[in-house]
N, C-alpha and C. Protein backbone atom coordinates (compact mmCIF):
# COMPACT_ATOMS: atom_id res chain seq x y z
N MET A 1 -71.54 -13.47 55.16
CA MET A 1 -71.99 -14.69 55.01
C MET A 1 -70.90 -15.63 54.08
N SER A 2 -70.47 -16.71 54.67
CA SER A 2 -69.46 -17.28 53.71
C SER A 2 -70.21 -18.58 52.87
N LEU A 3 -69.48 -18.83 51.92
CA LEU A 3 -69.95 -19.75 51.08
C LEU A 3 -69.52 -21.00 51.13
N PRO A 4 -70.40 -22.17 51.05
CA PRO A 4 -69.71 -23.39 51.50
C PRO A 4 -68.54 -23.87 50.51
N ASP A 5 -67.82 -24.54 51.28
CA ASP A 5 -66.50 -25.24 50.67
C ASP A 5 -67.12 -26.14 49.28
N GLU A 6 -66.45 -25.57 48.20
CA GLU A 6 -66.90 -26.43 47.04
C GLU A 6 -66.28 -27.96 47.17
N LEU A 7 -66.86 -29.02 46.80
CA LEU A 7 -66.33 -30.34 46.67
C LEU A 7 -65.57 -30.47 45.63
N LYS A 8 -64.39 -31.19 46.10
CA LYS A 8 -63.33 -31.49 45.09
C LYS A 8 -62.92 -32.91 45.44
N ILE A 9 -62.67 -33.73 44.43
CA ILE A 9 -62.58 -35.08 44.59
C ILE A 9 -61.34 -35.61 43.61
N SER A 10 -60.54 -36.33 44.09
CA SER A 10 -59.45 -36.98 43.44
C SER A 10 -59.24 -38.30 43.70
N VAL A 11 -58.64 -39.02 42.70
CA VAL A 11 -58.54 -40.55 43.04
C VAL A 11 -57.21 -40.97 42.33
N GLU A 12 -56.52 -41.68 43.41
CA GLU A 12 -55.25 -42.12 42.93
C GLU A 12 -55.27 -43.64 43.29
N SER A 13 -54.11 -44.24 42.69
CA SER A 13 -53.89 -45.69 42.89
C SER A 13 -52.65 -45.69 44.12
N LEU A 14 -53.00 -46.37 45.30
CA LEU A 14 -51.84 -46.49 46.03
C LEU A 14 -51.78 -47.73 46.88
N GLU A 15 -50.71 -48.41 46.71
CA GLU A 15 -50.63 -49.72 47.27
C GLU A 15 -51.70 -50.69 46.88
N GLY A 16 -52.05 -50.65 45.63
CA GLY A 16 -53.17 -51.69 45.11
C GLY A 16 -54.68 -51.33 45.40
N ALA A 17 -54.74 -50.12 46.26
CA ALA A 17 -55.98 -49.56 46.41
C ALA A 17 -56.24 -48.23 45.75
N SER A 18 -57.61 -48.06 45.49
CA SER A 18 -58.15 -46.61 44.89
C SER A 18 -58.42 -45.83 46.28
N VAL A 19 -57.40 -44.58 46.45
CA VAL A 19 -57.83 -43.84 47.44
C VAL A 19 -58.65 -42.56 46.92
N VAL A 20 -59.65 -42.31 47.34
CA VAL A 20 -60.53 -41.18 47.06
C VAL A 20 -60.37 -40.13 48.13
N ARG A 21 -59.75 -39.00 47.53
CA ARG A 21 -59.51 -37.79 48.61
C ARG A 21 -60.72 -36.76 48.30
N VAL A 22 -61.27 -36.40 49.37
CA VAL A 22 -62.39 -35.61 49.53
C VAL A 22 -62.18 -34.34 50.03
N SER A 23 -62.48 -33.30 49.44
CA SER A 23 -62.12 -31.77 49.99
C SER A 23 -63.47 -31.01 49.87
N GLY A 24 -63.78 -30.40 51.04
CA GLY A 24 -64.92 -29.53 51.09
C GLY A 24 -66.14 -30.38 51.72
N GLU A 25 -67.38 -29.74 51.26
CA GLU A 25 -68.80 -30.24 51.66
C GLU A 25 -69.31 -31.22 50.73
N ILE A 26 -69.69 -32.39 51.41
CA ILE A 26 -70.51 -33.48 50.76
C ILE A 26 -72.20 -33.07 51.07
N ASP A 27 -72.80 -32.64 50.49
CA ASP A 27 -74.26 -32.36 50.77
C ASP A 27 -75.05 -32.61 49.41
N LEU A 28 -76.41 -32.14 49.53
CA LEU A 28 -77.32 -32.43 48.35
C LEU A 28 -76.92 -31.89 46.97
N ALA A 29 -76.11 -30.96 47.02
CA ALA A 29 -75.76 -30.20 45.79
C ALA A 29 -74.53 -31.04 45.24
N SER A 30 -73.86 -31.72 45.95
CA SER A 30 -72.59 -32.34 45.35
C SER A 30 -72.43 -33.97 45.63
N HIS A 31 -73.33 -34.47 46.53
CA HIS A 31 -73.34 -36.03 46.66
C HIS A 31 -73.12 -36.91 45.45
N GLU A 32 -73.86 -36.40 44.45
CA GLU A 32 -73.63 -37.38 43.06
C GLU A 32 -72.42 -37.54 42.61
N GLN A 33 -71.73 -36.47 42.51
CA GLN A 33 -70.23 -36.37 42.38
C GLN A 33 -69.47 -37.39 42.91
N LEU A 34 -69.62 -37.60 44.37
CA LEU A 34 -69.11 -38.40 45.13
C LEU A 34 -69.42 -39.78 44.48
N THR A 35 -70.88 -39.95 44.65
CA THR A 35 -71.26 -41.42 44.20
C THR A 35 -70.64 -41.87 42.89
N ASP A 36 -70.73 -41.20 42.02
CA ASP A 36 -69.91 -41.42 40.78
C ASP A 36 -68.62 -41.80 40.73
N ARG A 37 -67.61 -40.95 41.71
CA ARG A 37 -66.33 -41.37 41.68
C ARG A 37 -65.98 -42.55 42.31
N LEU A 38 -67.01 -42.81 43.60
CA LEU A 38 -66.81 -44.13 44.23
C LEU A 38 -67.16 -45.31 43.30
N ARG A 39 -68.17 -45.12 42.60
CA ARG A 39 -68.50 -46.27 41.68
C ARG A 39 -67.25 -46.40 40.80
N GLU A 40 -66.65 -45.51 40.22
CA GLU A 40 -65.43 -45.82 39.23
C GLU A 40 -64.43 -46.51 40.10
N ALA A 41 -64.01 -46.04 41.39
CA ALA A 41 -63.09 -46.59 42.14
C ALA A 41 -63.49 -48.11 42.35
N ALA A 42 -64.64 -48.26 42.64
CA ALA A 42 -65.05 -49.74 42.84
C ALA A 42 -64.87 -50.37 41.78
N ALA A 43 -65.13 -50.24 40.62
CA ALA A 43 -64.90 -50.82 39.46
C ALA A 43 -63.69 -51.24 39.09
N ALA A 44 -62.58 -50.39 39.63
CA ALA A 44 -61.23 -50.62 39.50
C ALA A 44 -60.57 -51.92 40.06
N ALA A 45 -61.49 -52.51 40.97
CA ALA A 45 -61.25 -53.73 41.79
C ALA A 45 -60.26 -53.13 42.84
N GLY A 46 -60.04 -53.92 43.89
CA GLY A 46 -59.40 -53.68 44.97
C GLY A 46 -59.99 -52.79 46.05
N PRO A 47 -59.30 -52.64 47.15
CA PRO A 47 -59.92 -51.88 48.08
C PRO A 47 -60.12 -50.34 47.63
N VAL A 48 -61.19 -49.67 48.38
CA VAL A 48 -61.47 -48.38 48.21
C VAL A 48 -61.06 -47.73 49.49
N VAL A 49 -60.45 -46.62 49.55
CA VAL A 49 -60.12 -45.97 50.85
C VAL A 49 -60.60 -44.41 50.52
N VAL A 50 -61.61 -43.97 51.38
CA VAL A 50 -61.92 -42.54 51.11
C VAL A 50 -61.28 -41.70 52.32
N ASP A 51 -60.42 -40.81 51.80
CA ASP A 51 -59.84 -40.01 52.62
C ASP A 51 -60.72 -38.69 52.94
N LEU A 52 -61.06 -38.47 54.16
CA LEU A 52 -62.09 -37.37 54.55
C LEU A 52 -61.41 -36.35 55.40
N SER A 53 -59.91 -36.49 55.45
CA SER A 53 -59.17 -35.47 56.34
C SER A 53 -59.46 -34.01 55.79
N ARG A 54 -59.84 -33.69 54.50
CA ARG A 54 -60.18 -32.24 54.09
C ARG A 54 -61.61 -32.21 54.04
N CYS A 55 -62.44 -32.95 54.32
CA CYS A 55 -63.94 -32.86 54.36
C CYS A 55 -64.46 -32.06 55.41
N SER A 56 -65.00 -30.93 55.29
CA SER A 56 -65.54 -30.00 56.10
C SER A 56 -66.92 -30.25 56.70
N PHE A 57 -67.76 -31.04 55.88
CA PHE A 57 -69.26 -31.01 56.29
C PHE A 57 -69.59 -32.24 55.52
N ILE A 58 -70.65 -33.09 55.93
CA ILE A 58 -71.26 -34.09 55.51
C ILE A 58 -72.56 -34.21 55.97
N ASP A 59 -73.59 -34.36 55.11
CA ASP A 59 -75.25 -34.39 55.32
C ASP A 59 -75.65 -36.05 55.09
N SER A 60 -76.95 -36.18 55.26
CA SER A 60 -77.53 -37.34 54.95
C SER A 60 -77.28 -37.95 53.58
N SER A 61 -77.18 -37.10 52.42
CA SER A 61 -77.11 -37.47 51.14
C SER A 61 -75.57 -37.87 50.94
N GLY A 62 -74.59 -37.16 51.65
CA GLY A 62 -73.32 -37.53 51.68
C GLY A 62 -73.09 -39.02 52.38
N ILE A 63 -73.95 -39.29 53.42
CA ILE A 63 -73.73 -40.63 54.11
C ILE A 63 -74.30 -41.55 53.21
N ARG A 64 -75.34 -41.24 52.40
CA ARG A 64 -75.90 -42.36 51.33
C ARG A 64 -74.89 -42.50 50.28
N ALA A 65 -74.26 -41.51 49.89
CA ALA A 65 -73.19 -41.96 48.93
C ALA A 65 -71.95 -42.70 49.32
N LEU A 66 -71.60 -42.36 50.67
CA LEU A 66 -70.47 -43.36 51.16
C LEU A 66 -71.25 -44.85 51.41
N LEU A 67 -72.25 -44.99 51.62
CA LEU A 67 -73.12 -46.49 51.86
C LEU A 67 -73.09 -47.01 50.43
N LEU A 68 -73.40 -46.29 49.67
CA LEU A 68 -73.58 -46.95 48.19
C LEU A 68 -72.06 -47.18 47.76
N GLY A 69 -71.06 -46.42 47.96
CA GLY A 69 -69.85 -46.86 47.63
C GLY A 69 -69.12 -48.22 48.38
N GLU A 70 -69.56 -48.25 49.68
CA GLU A 70 -69.40 -49.40 50.37
C GLU A 70 -70.10 -50.59 49.82
N ARG A 71 -71.22 -50.54 49.39
CA ARG A 71 -71.81 -51.58 48.77
C ARG A 71 -71.19 -52.11 47.69
N GLU A 72 -70.73 -51.29 46.70
CA GLU A 72 -69.98 -51.62 45.61
C GLU A 72 -68.68 -52.13 45.53
N ALA A 73 -68.02 -51.69 46.72
CA ALA A 73 -66.60 -51.89 46.55
C ALA A 73 -66.24 -53.40 47.23
N GLU A 74 -65.25 -54.02 46.74
CA GLU A 74 -64.67 -55.15 47.15
C GLU A 74 -64.41 -54.98 48.65
N ARG A 75 -63.46 -53.88 49.10
CA ARG A 75 -63.29 -53.60 50.44
C ARG A 75 -63.23 -52.04 50.77
N PHE A 76 -63.84 -51.70 51.52
CA PHE A 76 -64.20 -50.23 51.72
C PHE A 76 -63.77 -49.64 53.01
N ALA A 77 -63.01 -48.63 53.09
CA ALA A 77 -62.77 -47.91 54.54
C ALA A 77 -62.80 -46.55 54.39
N LEU A 78 -62.97 -45.93 55.40
CA LEU A 78 -63.08 -44.35 55.50
C LEU A 78 -61.87 -43.99 56.51
N ALA A 79 -61.10 -42.92 56.17
CA ALA A 79 -59.94 -42.39 56.85
C ALA A 79 -59.89 -40.77 57.05
N GLY A 80 -59.39 -40.56 58.31
CA GLY A 80 -58.95 -39.21 58.60
C GLY A 80 -60.16 -38.34 58.87
N ALA A 81 -61.20 -38.75 59.13
CA ALA A 81 -62.36 -37.74 59.32
C ALA A 81 -62.03 -36.94 60.55
N GLY A 82 -62.42 -35.58 60.44
CA GLY A 82 -62.51 -34.83 61.53
C GLY A 82 -63.39 -35.03 62.48
N GLU A 83 -63.51 -34.07 63.61
CA GLU A 83 -64.21 -34.29 64.74
C GLU A 83 -65.75 -34.02 64.11
N GLN A 84 -66.10 -33.15 63.46
CA GLN A 84 -67.49 -32.75 62.99
C GLN A 84 -68.01 -33.94 62.08
N VAL A 85 -67.14 -34.51 61.06
CA VAL A 85 -67.75 -35.46 60.17
C VAL A 85 -67.58 -36.81 60.96
N LYS A 86 -66.76 -36.91 61.81
CA LYS A 86 -66.90 -38.15 62.62
C LYS A 86 -67.96 -38.45 63.46
N ARG A 87 -68.51 -37.24 64.07
CA ARG A 87 -69.43 -37.23 64.94
C ARG A 87 -70.89 -37.66 64.33
N VAL A 88 -70.96 -37.15 62.81
CA VAL A 88 -72.14 -37.54 61.99
C VAL A 88 -72.16 -39.03 61.67
N LEU A 89 -70.85 -39.27 61.40
CA LEU A 89 -70.80 -40.95 61.06
C LEU A 89 -71.03 -41.69 62.20
N GLU A 90 -70.83 -41.35 63.32
CA GLU A 90 -71.02 -42.18 64.51
C GLU A 90 -72.69 -41.88 64.82
N MET A 91 -73.30 -40.81 64.72
CA MET A 91 -74.59 -40.60 65.16
C MET A 91 -75.38 -41.48 64.06
N THR A 92 -74.95 -41.63 62.74
CA THR A 92 -75.70 -42.16 61.95
C THR A 92 -75.69 -43.69 61.84
N GLY A 93 -74.77 -44.17 62.59
CA GLY A 93 -74.31 -45.58 62.53
C GLY A 93 -73.44 -46.13 61.50
N VAL A 94 -73.14 -45.35 60.74
CA VAL A 94 -72.01 -45.53 59.52
C VAL A 94 -70.68 -46.10 60.33
N ALA A 95 -70.45 -45.60 61.46
CA ALA A 95 -69.02 -45.98 62.09
C ALA A 95 -69.13 -47.32 62.68
N GLN A 96 -70.39 -47.88 62.70
CA GLN A 96 -70.40 -49.43 63.05
C GLN A 96 -70.49 -50.23 61.84
N ALA A 97 -71.00 -49.56 60.72
CA ALA A 97 -71.16 -50.24 59.44
C ALA A 97 -69.78 -50.42 58.66
N VAL A 98 -69.18 -49.37 58.80
CA VAL A 98 -67.72 -49.28 57.85
C VAL A 98 -66.75 -49.06 58.61
N SER A 99 -65.57 -49.77 58.17
CA SER A 99 -64.18 -49.50 58.77
C SER A 99 -63.77 -48.10 58.61
N ILE A 100 -63.42 -47.44 59.92
CA ILE A 100 -62.89 -46.17 59.84
C ILE A 100 -61.59 -46.17 60.50
N HIS A 101 -60.62 -45.37 60.03
CA HIS A 101 -59.39 -45.61 60.46
C HIS A 101 -58.74 -43.93 60.70
N ALA A 102 -57.82 -43.57 61.30
CA ALA A 102 -57.17 -42.38 61.66
C ALA A 102 -56.54 -41.90 60.34
N THR A 103 -55.85 -42.49 59.63
CA THR A 103 -55.23 -42.11 58.58
C THR A 103 -55.38 -42.91 57.33
N VAL A 104 -54.93 -42.46 55.95
CA VAL A 104 -55.07 -43.34 54.99
C VAL A 104 -54.02 -44.47 55.07
N ASP A 105 -52.87 -44.39 55.55
CA ASP A 105 -51.94 -45.27 55.68
C ASP A 105 -52.41 -46.43 56.67
N ASP A 106 -53.15 -45.99 57.81
CA ASP A 106 -53.80 -47.18 58.73
C ASP A 106 -54.59 -47.92 57.83
N ALA A 107 -55.55 -47.20 57.09
CA ALA A 107 -56.48 -47.95 56.38
C ALA A 107 -55.72 -48.98 55.20
N LEU A 108 -54.93 -48.46 54.59
CA LEU A 108 -54.17 -49.17 53.74
C LEU A 108 -53.60 -50.44 54.39
N ALA A 109 -52.80 -50.34 55.61
CA ALA A 109 -52.39 -51.17 56.24
C ALA A 109 -53.32 -52.37 56.50
N ALA A 110 -54.75 -52.03 57.09
CA ALA A 110 -55.54 -52.89 57.48
C ALA A 110 -56.33 -53.63 56.31
N SER A 111 -56.07 -52.98 55.10
CA SER A 111 -56.55 -53.84 53.86
C SER A 111 -55.80 -54.75 53.31
């Protein structure tokens, strides 16, 4: 039995935006950590781009964290979601509510 991927989050300033890089699983046990980091990034002003390229799983609590981040940010985008995460974003309607890009560079260029 394998253990879930521990959530790791880093934030960096890049081209005037806060890039929040997420690695691992966003679930009930870890969503508050993401919510806190997204609030911090939104408070820094400027666009917030969430890099989901290393996110292996997201559940409804993770979706809620992303939507809260989107509500607090001046501009907000998601980038690099893999097929499984992208499918969840589409099924939950997030893909219609939030700007989603293939890469962080694409998201930065659009902001």
